[in-house]
Amino acid sequence: MMSDFCDDLIAAMSEAAAHAQGVGLMARVHITKVHDVRAIREELGLSQQAFASAYRIPLPTLKGWE
């Protein structure tokens, strides 16, 4: 069992190294758009506390995003 995991891990690392060197199979690239949370909150006319409460986001998390 551990051997299968090790074999899979070694194969994955070999593929990653090949990709970094520009050889091997094509890899998928995912691009995530980062939203301007402060602008969204201000457009809604909400304070940080009200926005965090409405969307159940911890206030320190919201402050970190902004």
C-alpha atoms as a PDB file:
ATOM      1  CA  MET A   1       0.000   0.000   0.000  1.00  0.00           C
ATOM      2  CA  MET A   2       2.706   2.446   0.977  1.00  0.00           C
ATOM      3  CA  SER A   3       4.602   1.391  -2.138  1.00  0.00           C
ATOM      4  CA  ASP A   4       1.688   2.487  -4.371  1.00  0.00           C
ATOM      5  CA  PHE A   5       1.569   5.867  -2.647  1.00  0.00           C
ATOM      6  CA  CYS A   6       5.341   6.294  -3.007  1.00  0.00           C
ATOM      7  CA  ASP A   7       5.220   5.292  -6.665  1.00  0.00           C
ATOM      8  CA  ASP A   8       2.402   7.793  -7.339  1.00  0.00           C
ATOM      9  CA  LEU A   9       4.257  10.526  -5.480  1.00  0.00           C
ATOM     10  CA  ILE A  10       7.480   9.914  -7.386  1.00  0.00           C
ATOM     11  CA  ALA A  11       5.582   9.903 -10.693  1.00  0.00           C
ATOM     12  CA  ALA A  12       3.838  13.165  -9.823  1.00  0.00           C
ATOM     13  CA  MET A  13       7.092  14.842  -8.826  1.00  0.00           C
ATOM     14  CA  SER A  14       8.751  13.636 -12.033  1.00  0.00           C
ATOM     15  CA  GLU A  15       5.881  15.124 -14.064  1.00  0.00           C
ATOM     16  CA  ALA A  16       6.141  18.415 -12.145  1.00  0.00           C
ATOM     17  CA  ALA A  17       9.899  18.589 -12.745  1.00  0.00           C
ATOM     18  CA  ALA A  18       9.419  17.867 -16.451  1.00  0.00           C
ATOM     19  CA  HIS A  19       6.746  20.556 -16.693  1.00  0.00           C
ATOM     20  CA  ALA A  20       9.039  23.076 -14.960  1.00  0.00           C
ATOM     21  CA  GLN A  21      11.675  22.298 -17.590  1.00  0.00           C
ATOM     22  CA  GLY A  22       9.157  22.733 -20.399  1.00  0.00           C
ATOM     23  CA  VAL A  23       8.939  19.096 -21.443  1.00  0.00           C
ATOM     24  CA  GLY A  24       6.306  16.436 -21.013  1.00  0.00           C
ATOM     25  CA  LEU A  25       2.552  16.656 -21.036  1.00  0.00           C
ATOM     26  CA  MET A  26       0.690  19.936 -21.032  1.00  0.00           C
ATOM     27  CA  ALA A  27      -0.611  21.004 -17.664  1.00  0.00           C
ATOM     28  CA  ARG A  28      -3.841  22.844 -16.969  1.00  0.00           C
ATOM     29  CA  VAL A  29      -3.516  26.372 -15.693  1.00  0.00           C
ATOM     30  CA  HIS A  30      -6.312  27.785 -13.572  1.00  0.00           C
ATOM     31  CA  ILE A  31      -6.591  31.545 -13.241  1.00  0.00           C
ATOM     32  CA  THR A  32      -8.740  32.900 -10.459  1.00  0.00           C
ATOM     33  CA  LYS A  33     -10.038  36.439 -10.645  1.00  0.00           C
ATOM     34  CA  VAL A  34      -9.430  38.333  -7.422  1.00  0.00           C
ATOM     35  CA  HIS A  35     -12.341  40.605  -6.591  1.00  0.00           C
ATOM     36  CA  ASP A  36     -11.993  44.001  -4.924  1.00  0.00           C
ATOM     37  CA  VAL A  37     -13.924  43.162  -1.762  1.00  0.00           C
ATOM     38  CA  ARG A  38     -13.694  46.702  -0.395  1.00  0.00           C
ATOM     39  CA  ALA A  39     -15.212  48.154  -3.581  1.00  0.00           C
ATOM     40  CA  ILE A  40     -18.043  45.608  -3.485  1.00  0.00           C
ATOM     41  CA  ARG A  41     -18.733  46.346   0.191  1.00  0.00           C
ATOM     42  CA  GLU A  42     -18.653  50.113  -0.364  1.00  0.00           C
ATOM     43  CA  GLU A  43     -20.926  49.830  -3.416  1.00  0.00           C
ATOM     44  CA  LEU A  44     -23.427  48.029  -1.196  1.00  0.00           C
ATOM     45  CA  GLY A  45     -23.105  50.810   1.371  1.00  0.00           C
ATOM     46  CA  LEU A  46     -22.191  48.427   4.182  1.00  0.00           C
ATOM     47  CA  SER A  47     -19.748  48.817   7.015  1.00  0.00           C
ATOM     48  CA  GLN A  48     -17.134  46.119   7.475  1.00  0.00           C
ATOM     49  CA  GLN A  49     -19.104  44.736  10.419  1.00  0.00           C
ATOM     50  CA  ALA A  50     -22.410  44.683   8.508  1.00  0.00           C
ATOM     51  CA  PHE A  51     -20.833  43.093   5.412  1.00  0.00           C
ATOM     52  CA  ALA A  52     -19.017  40.461   7.456  1.00  0.00           C
ATOM     53  CA  SER A  53     -22.175  39.650   9.358  1.00  0.00           C
ATOM     54  CA  ALA A  54     -24.378  39.502   6.240  1.00  0.00           C
ATOM     55  CA  TYR A  55     -22.043  37.105   4.452  1.00  0.00           C
ATOM     56  CA  ARG A  56     -20.905  35.225   7.568  1.00  0.00           C
ATOM     57  CA  ILE A  57     -17.279  36.165   7.073  1.00  0.00           C
ATOM     58  CA  PRO A  58     -15.150  36.552  10.202  1.00  0.00           C
ATOM     59  CA  LEU A  59     -14.400  40.266  10.579  1.00  0.00           C
ATOM     60  CA  PRO A  60     -10.605  39.736  10.819  1.00  0.00           C
ATOM     61  CA  THR A  61     -10.755  37.774   7.538  1.00  0.00           C
ATOM     62  CA  LEU A  62     -12.617  40.586   5.800  1.00  0.00           C
ATOM     63  CA  LYS A  63     -10.125  43.129   7.127  1.00  0.00           C
ATOM     64  CA  GLY A  64      -7.301  40.974   5.775  1.00  0.00           C
ATOM     65  CA  TRP A  65      -8.917  40.854   2.337  1.00  0.00           C
ATOM     66  CA  GLU A  66      -9.324  44.602   2.259  1.00  0.00           C
END
